[in-house]
């Protein structure tokens, strides 16, 4: 079996979060989704699991942080080009995401970031393949 990454994100509203990520071009896998969770396919090996906060809490004895006011992690997604970074970021901003900070441009690496409707920080980046050794 191919190794995969499942990023579990607590969300305030599963329906609204599903609509947001669908608007970015990710598909919902209905086999692993219900009223408590949406399984959003980013690629063959990466899945965002959008879990309603009460359901997410059932997986941890710790209190949930409020991602609207605190940060403990970011999700960084790669894209195939600078234009693709801009495209998904503009879709996010038009679909209810909010601005985070100005683009980062190092020439060989380019990135932008936004907050999803719950407040999770999502970064999107491109790196020149000739610079990756």
N, C-alpha and C. Protein backbone atom coordinates (compact mmCIF):
# COMPACT_ATOMS: atom_id res chain seq x y z
N UNK A 1 0.84 -1.19 0.00
CA UNK A 1 0.00 0.00 0.00
C UNK A 1 0.88 1.24 0.00
N UNK A 2 0.52 2.20 -0.81
CA UNK A 2 1.24 3.47 -0.88
C UNK A 2 1.02 4.23 0.42
N UNK A 3 2.08 4.83 0.95
CA UNK A 3 1.93 5.65 2.14
C UNK A 3 1.18 6.92 1.79
N UNK A 4 0.28 7.28 2.69
CA UNK A 4 -0.55 8.46 2.47
C UNK A 4 -0.46 9.38 3.68
N UNK A 5 -0.87 10.61 3.49
CA UNK A 5 -0.97 11.57 4.59
C UNK A 5 -2.43 12.00 4.68
N UNK A 6 -2.98 11.87 5.89
CA UNK A 6 -4.32 12.35 6.20
C UNK A 6 -4.16 13.49 7.19
N UNK A 7 -4.51 14.69 6.77
CA UNK A 7 -4.42 15.86 7.64
C UNK A 7 -5.81 16.07 8.23
N UNK A 8 -5.93 15.91 9.55
CA UNK A 8 -7.20 16.06 10.24
C UNK A 8 -7.34 17.48 10.76
N UNK A 9 -8.36 18.18 10.29
CA UNK A 9 -8.59 19.57 10.70
C UNK A 9 -9.95 19.69 11.39
N UNK A 10 -9.97 20.21 12.62
CA UNK A 10 -11.26 20.48 13.24
C UNK A 10 -11.89 21.70 12.58
N UNK A 11 -13.17 21.61 12.26
CA UNK A 11 -13.86 22.73 11.60
C UNK A 11 -15.16 23.04 12.34
N UNK A 12 -15.55 24.29 12.27
CA UNK A 12 -16.79 24.72 12.93
C UNK A 12 -18.02 24.30 12.15
N UNK A 13 -17.92 24.26 10.81
CA UNK A 13 -19.06 23.96 9.96
C UNK A 13 -18.59 23.04 8.82
N UNK A 14 -18.95 21.76 8.91
CA UNK A 14 -18.49 20.79 7.91
C UNK A 14 -19.00 21.14 6.51
N UNK A 15 -20.25 21.57 6.40
CA UNK A 15 -20.82 21.88 5.09
C UNK A 15 -20.10 23.07 4.46
N UNK A 16 -19.93 24.15 5.22
CA UNK A 16 -19.26 25.34 4.70
C UNK A 16 -17.80 25.03 4.35
N UNK A 17 -17.12 24.26 5.18
CA UNK A 17 -15.73 23.91 4.90
C UNK A 17 -15.62 23.03 3.68
N UNK A 18 -16.58 22.11 3.51
CA UNK A 18 -16.59 21.25 2.32
C UNK A 18 -16.78 22.09 1.06
N UNK A 19 -17.69 23.03 1.11
CA UNK A 19 -17.92 23.91 -0.04
C UNK A 19 -16.66 24.71 -0.36
N UNK A 20 -15.97 25.21 0.67
CA UNK A 20 -14.75 25.98 0.47
C UNK A 20 -13.70 25.13 -0.26
N UNK A 21 -13.41 23.94 0.26
CA UNK A 21 -12.36 23.11 -0.34
C UNK A 21 -12.78 22.53 -1.69
N UNK A 22 -14.06 22.30 -1.90
CA UNK A 22 -14.55 21.89 -3.22
C UNK A 22 -14.30 23.03 -4.21
N UNK A 23 -14.51 24.27 -3.76
CA UNK A 23 -14.26 25.44 -4.60
C UNK A 23 -12.80 25.59 -5.00
N UNK A 24 -11.90 24.99 -4.21
CA UNK A 24 -10.48 25.02 -4.55
C UNK A 24 -10.11 23.92 -5.55
N UNK A 25 -11.07 23.05 -5.84
CA UNK A 25 -10.82 22.00 -6.82
C UNK A 25 -10.60 20.62 -6.22
N UNK A 26 -10.76 20.46 -4.91
CA UNK A 26 -10.59 19.16 -4.28
C UNK A 26 -11.92 18.41 -4.31
N UNK A 27 -11.85 17.10 -4.50
CA UNK A 27 -13.05 16.27 -4.56
C UNK A 27 -13.36 15.68 -3.19
N UNK A 28 -14.65 15.57 -2.88
CA UNK A 28 -15.08 14.95 -1.63
C UNK A 28 -15.24 13.45 -1.87
N UNK A 29 -14.60 12.65 -1.04
CA UNK A 29 -14.74 11.20 -1.12
C UNK A 29 -15.89 10.80 -0.22
N UNK A 30 -17.05 10.53 -0.82
CA UNK A 30 -18.26 10.22 -0.07
C UNK A 30 -18.14 8.94 0.75
N UNK A 31 -17.28 8.02 0.34
CA UNK A 31 -17.11 6.76 1.07
C UNK A 31 -16.63 7.01 2.49
N UNK A 32 -15.85 8.06 2.71
CA UNK A 32 -15.29 8.36 4.02
C UNK A 32 -15.81 9.68 4.58
N UNK A 33 -17.01 10.05 4.19
CA UNK A 33 -17.62 11.31 4.62
C UNK A 33 -19.02 11.06 5.16
N UNK A 34 -19.41 11.89 6.11
CA UNK A 34 -20.78 11.88 6.61
C UNK A 34 -21.05 13.25 7.23
N UNK A 35 -22.05 13.37 8.10
CA UNK A 35 -22.38 14.68 8.67
C UNK A 35 -21.30 15.20 9.63
N UNK A 36 -20.40 14.32 10.08
CA UNK A 36 -19.34 14.72 11.00
C UNK A 36 -17.99 14.99 10.34
N UNK A 37 -17.83 14.52 9.12
CA UNK A 37 -16.51 14.62 8.47
C UNK A 37 -16.66 14.64 6.96
N UNK A 38 -15.80 15.44 6.32
CA UNK A 38 -15.67 15.40 4.87
C UNK A 38 -14.24 15.02 4.54
N UNK A 39 -14.09 14.02 3.71
CA UNK A 39 -12.80 13.55 3.24
C UNK A 39 -12.53 14.23 1.90
N UNK A 40 -11.60 15.18 1.90
CA UNK A 40 -11.30 15.98 0.70
C UNK A 40 -9.99 15.51 0.08
N UNK A 41 -10.07 15.00 -1.13
CA UNK A 41 -8.91 14.43 -1.81
C UNK A 41 -8.09 15.54 -2.47
N UNK A 42 -6.86 15.70 -1.99
CA UNK A 42 -5.93 16.68 -2.55
C UNK A 42 -5.14 16.04 -3.68
N UNK A 43 -4.69 14.80 -3.45
CA UNK A 43 -3.95 14.03 -4.46
C UNK A 43 -4.12 12.56 -4.14
N UNK A 44 -3.44 11.70 -4.89
CA UNK A 44 -3.52 10.26 -4.63
C UNK A 44 -2.99 9.88 -3.26
N UNK A 45 -2.18 10.74 -2.66
CA UNK A 45 -1.56 10.39 -1.38
C UNK A 45 -1.84 11.39 -0.26
N UNK A 46 -2.63 12.42 -0.52
CA UNK A 46 -2.92 13.43 0.50
C UNK A 46 -4.42 13.66 0.58
N UNK A 47 -4.95 13.59 1.81
CA UNK A 47 -6.37 13.79 2.05
C UNK A 47 -6.53 14.73 3.24
N UNK A 48 -7.36 15.75 3.07
CA UNK A 48 -7.74 16.61 4.18
C UNK A 48 -9.02 16.05 4.78
N UNK A 49 -9.00 15.75 6.06
CA UNK A 49 -10.18 15.26 6.76
C UNK A 49 -10.73 16.43 7.56
N UNK A 50 -11.88 16.94 7.15
CA UNK A 50 -12.52 18.07 7.81
C UNK A 50 -13.50 17.53 8.84
N UNK A 51 -13.12 17.58 10.12
CA UNK A 51 -13.91 16.98 11.18
C UNK A 51 -14.63 18.05 11.99
N UNK A 52 -15.94 17.87 12.19
CA UNK A 52 -16.69 18.77 13.06
C UNK A 52 -15.98 18.78 14.41
N UNK A 53 -15.88 19.96 15.02
CA UNK A 53 -15.12 20.08 16.27
C UNK A 53 -15.51 19.06 17.33
N UNK A 54 -16.82 18.82 17.60
CA UNK A 54 -17.16 17.81 18.62
C UNK A 54 -16.63 16.41 18.26
N UNK A 55 -16.66 16.06 16.97
CA UNK A 55 -16.15 14.77 16.53
C UNK A 55 -14.62 14.73 16.67
N UNK A 56 -13.94 15.80 16.28
CA UNK A 56 -12.49 15.89 16.41
C UNK A 56 -12.08 15.69 17.87
N UNK A 57 -12.84 16.30 18.78
CA UNK A 57 -12.52 16.21 20.22
C UNK A 57 -12.54 14.77 20.72
N UNK A 58 -13.27 13.88 20.04
CA UNK A 58 -13.33 12.49 20.48
C UNK A 58 -12.02 11.75 20.24
N UNK A 59 -11.09 12.34 19.50
CA UNK A 59 -9.81 11.71 19.20
C UNK A 59 -8.68 12.14 20.12
N UNK A 60 -8.92 13.14 20.97
CA UNK A 60 -7.85 13.66 21.80
C UNK A 60 -8.37 14.06 23.17
N UNK A 61 -7.57 13.82 24.21
CA UNK A 61 -7.97 14.27 25.54
C UNK A 61 -7.66 15.75 25.75
N UNK A 62 -6.92 16.36 24.84
CA UNK A 62 -6.53 17.76 24.97
C UNK A 62 -7.64 18.70 24.52
N UNK A 63 -7.59 19.92 25.02
CA UNK A 63 -8.52 20.95 24.58
C UNK A 63 -8.15 21.38 23.16
N UNK A 64 -9.14 21.77 22.39
CA UNK A 64 -8.87 22.31 21.06
C UNK A 64 -8.49 23.76 21.17
N UNK A 65 -7.48 24.15 20.41
CA UNK A 65 -7.14 25.55 20.31
C UNK A 65 -8.11 26.25 19.36
N UNK A 66 -8.21 27.53 19.50
CA UNK A 66 -9.05 28.31 18.60
C UNK A 66 -8.17 28.83 17.48
N UNK A 67 -8.26 28.23 16.29
CA UNK A 67 -7.38 28.61 15.19
C UNK A 67 -7.68 30.01 14.66
N UNK A 68 -8.76 30.61 15.14
CA UNK A 68 -9.03 32.00 14.76
C UNK A 68 -8.09 32.95 15.50
N UNK A 69 -7.52 32.49 16.65
CA UNK A 69 -6.67 33.37 17.45
C UNK A 69 -5.29 32.80 17.75
N UNK A 70 -5.10 31.49 17.54
CA UNK A 70 -3.80 30.87 17.82
C UNK A 70 -3.38 29.99 16.65
N UNK A 71 -2.10 29.70 16.57
CA UNK A 71 -1.57 28.80 15.54
C UNK A 71 -0.74 27.72 16.19
N UNK A 72 -0.84 26.51 15.68
CA UNK A 72 0.02 25.43 16.14
C UNK A 72 0.58 24.64 14.96
N UNK A 73 0.02 24.86 13.79
CA UNK A 73 0.52 24.17 12.60
C UNK A 73 0.04 24.90 11.35
N UNK A 74 0.64 24.55 10.23
CA UNK A 74 0.16 25.02 8.94
C UNK A 74 0.10 23.82 8.01
N UNK A 75 -0.71 23.93 6.99
CA UNK A 75 -0.75 22.93 5.94
C UNK A 75 -0.14 23.60 4.71
N UNK A 76 0.88 22.98 4.15
CA UNK A 76 1.53 23.54 2.97
C UNK A 76 1.34 22.57 1.81
N UNK A 77 0.76 23.07 0.72
CA UNK A 77 0.50 22.26 -0.47
C UNK A 77 1.37 22.77 -1.61
N UNK A 78 1.97 21.86 -2.34
CA UNK A 78 2.77 22.28 -3.49
C UNK A 78 1.89 22.35 -4.73
N UNK A 79 2.31 23.15 -5.67
CA UNK A 79 1.65 23.29 -6.96
C UNK A 79 2.71 23.23 -8.05
N UNK A 80 2.26 22.96 -9.28
CA UNK A 80 3.19 22.72 -10.38
C UNK A 80 3.77 23.99 -11.00
N UNK A 81 3.25 25.17 -10.64
CA UNK A 81 3.76 26.41 -11.23
C UNK A 81 3.38 27.60 -10.35
N UNK A 82 4.03 28.71 -10.62
CA UNK A 82 3.69 29.95 -9.92
C UNK A 82 2.23 30.34 -10.21
N UNK A 83 1.85 30.18 -11.47
CA UNK A 83 0.48 30.51 -11.87
C UNK A 83 -0.53 29.65 -11.11
N UNK A 84 -0.22 28.38 -10.88
CA UNK A 84 -1.11 27.49 -10.14
C UNK A 84 -1.21 27.92 -8.67
N UNK A 85 -0.12 28.43 -8.11
CA UNK A 85 -0.15 28.96 -6.75
C UNK A 85 -1.11 30.14 -6.69
N UNK A 86 -0.96 31.05 -7.64
CA UNK A 86 -1.85 32.22 -7.68
C UNK A 86 -3.31 31.81 -7.90
N UNK A 87 -3.53 30.83 -8.78
CA UNK A 87 -4.89 30.42 -9.11
C UNK A 87 -5.62 29.87 -7.88
N UNK A 88 -5.00 28.95 -7.15
CA UNK A 88 -5.69 28.36 -6.01
C UNK A 88 -5.86 29.39 -4.88
N UNK A 89 -4.89 30.29 -4.73
CA UNK A 89 -5.00 31.32 -3.69
C UNK A 89 -6.14 32.28 -4.02
N UNK A 90 -6.25 32.69 -5.27
CA UNK A 90 -7.35 33.58 -5.66
C UNK A 90 -8.70 32.90 -5.50
N UNK A 91 -8.77 31.59 -5.83
CA UNK A 91 -10.01 30.85 -5.60
C UNK A 91 -10.35 30.84 -4.11
N UNK A 92 -9.35 30.62 -3.28
CA UNK A 92 -9.58 30.59 -1.83
C UNK A 92 -10.12 31.92 -1.33
N UNK A 93 -9.51 33.00 -1.77
CA UNK A 93 -9.95 34.33 -1.32
C UNK A 93 -11.35 34.66 -1.83
N UNK A 94 -11.67 34.19 -3.02
CA UNK A 94 -13.01 34.43 -3.58
C UNK A 94 -14.08 33.53 -2.96
N UNK A 95 -13.65 32.45 -2.31
CA UNK A 95 -14.58 31.46 -1.76
C UNK A 95 -14.76 31.56 -0.25
N UNK A 96 -14.28 32.62 0.36
CA UNK A 96 -14.47 32.77 1.81
C UNK A 96 -13.20 32.66 2.62
N UNK A 97 -12.09 32.37 1.97
CA UNK A 97 -10.81 32.38 2.68
C UNK A 97 -10.39 33.82 2.93
N UNK A 98 -9.46 34.02 3.84
CA UNK A 98 -9.00 35.37 4.14
C UNK A 98 -7.50 35.49 3.94
N UNK A 99 -7.09 36.70 3.63
CA UNK A 99 -5.69 37.02 3.35
C UNK A 99 -4.83 36.76 4.57
N UNK A 100 -3.64 36.22 4.36
CA UNK A 100 -2.69 36.00 5.46
C UNK A 100 -1.55 37.01 5.38
N UNK A 101 -0.77 36.95 4.31
CA UNK A 101 0.37 37.86 4.16
C UNK A 101 0.76 37.95 2.69
N UNK A 102 1.63 38.89 2.42
CA UNK A 102 2.08 39.10 1.05
C UNK A 102 2.81 37.86 0.52
N UNK A 103 2.81 37.65 -0.81
CA UNK A 103 3.50 36.49 -1.38
C UNK A 103 4.98 36.48 -1.02
N UNK A 104 5.53 35.29 -0.91
CA UNK A 104 6.96 35.09 -0.69
C UNK A 104 7.55 34.72 -2.05
N UNK A 105 8.55 35.48 -2.49
CA UNK A 105 9.15 35.22 -3.80
C UNK A 105 10.66 35.21 -3.68
N UNK A 106 11.24 34.01 -3.76
CA UNK A 106 12.69 33.84 -3.69
C UNK A 106 13.27 33.53 -5.07
N UNK A 107 12.50 33.73 -6.11
CA UNK A 107 12.95 33.41 -7.46
C UNK A 107 12.74 31.94 -7.78
N UNK A 108 13.50 31.06 -7.14
CA UNK A 108 13.38 29.62 -7.36
C UNK A 108 12.23 29.00 -6.55
N UNK A 109 11.68 29.81 -5.62
CA UNK A 109 10.58 29.34 -4.78
C UNK A 109 9.58 30.48 -4.60
N UNK A 110 8.31 30.14 -4.72
CA UNK A 110 7.25 31.14 -4.66
C UNK A 110 6.11 30.58 -3.82
N UNK A 111 5.57 31.40 -2.93
CA UNK A 111 4.49 30.92 -2.11
C UNK A 111 3.51 31.99 -1.70
N UNK A 112 2.30 31.56 -1.44
CA UNK A 112 1.25 32.44 -0.91
C UNK A 112 0.52 31.70 0.19
N UNK A 113 -0.25 32.43 0.96
CA UNK A 113 -0.96 31.78 2.06
C UNK A 113 -2.29 32.47 2.33
N UNK A 114 -3.19 31.70 2.94
CA UNK A 114 -4.51 32.22 3.29
C UNK A 114 -5.04 31.41 4.47
N UNK A 115 -6.09 31.92 5.08
CA UNK A 115 -6.78 31.19 6.14
C UNK A 115 -8.07 30.63 5.56
N UNK A 116 -8.38 29.37 5.89
CA UNK A 116 -9.66 28.81 5.47
C UNK A 116 -10.77 29.39 6.35
N UNK A 117 -12.04 29.07 6.10
CA UNK A 117 -13.13 29.69 6.87
C UNK A 117 -13.07 29.46 8.38
N UNK A 118 -12.47 28.35 8.82
CA UNK A 118 -12.34 28.10 10.26
C UNK A 118 -11.16 28.85 10.84
N UNK A 119 -10.15 29.16 10.03
CA UNK A 119 -8.97 29.88 10.50
C UNK A 119 -7.67 29.10 10.35
N UNK A 120 -7.71 27.91 9.73
CA UNK A 120 -6.49 27.15 9.50
C UNK A 120 -5.63 27.86 8.47
N UNK A 121 -4.34 27.95 8.75
CA UNK A 121 -3.40 28.58 7.82
C UNK A 121 -3.01 27.58 6.75
N UNK A 122 -3.29 27.91 5.50
CA UNK A 122 -2.95 27.07 4.36
C UNK A 122 -1.92 27.82 3.53
N UNK A 123 -0.79 27.18 3.31
CA UNK A 123 0.26 27.76 2.46
C UNK A 123 0.28 26.97 1.15
N UNK A 124 0.57 27.67 0.07
CA UNK A 124 0.68 27.04 -1.24
C UNK A 124 2.01 27.48 -1.83
N UNK A 125 2.80 26.52 -2.33
CA UNK A 125 4.13 26.89 -2.82
C UNK A 125 4.50 26.15 -4.10
N UNK A 126 5.43 26.78 -4.81
CA UNK A 126 6.03 26.19 -6.00
C UNK A 126 7.53 26.31 -5.85
N UNK A 127 8.25 25.27 -6.24
CA UNK A 127 9.72 25.33 -6.29
C UNK A 127 10.18 24.91 -7.67
N UNK A 128 11.16 25.61 -8.19
CA UNK A 128 11.74 25.28 -9.48
C UNK A 128 12.34 23.88 -9.38
N UNK A 129 11.85 22.93 -10.20
CA UNK A 129 12.33 21.55 -10.11
C UNK A 129 13.84 21.42 -10.30
N UNK A 130 14.45 22.32 -11.08
CA UNK A 130 15.89 22.22 -11.29
C UNK A 130 16.68 22.57 -10.02
N UNK A 131 16.01 23.19 -9.05
CA UNK A 131 16.69 23.55 -7.80
C UNK A 131 16.55 22.46 -6.74
N UNK A 132 15.66 21.50 -6.98
CA UNK A 132 15.44 20.41 -6.02
C UNK A 132 16.40 19.28 -6.34
N UNK A 133 17.29 19.00 -5.45
CA UNK A 133 18.29 17.93 -5.66
C UNK A 133 17.94 16.73 -4.82
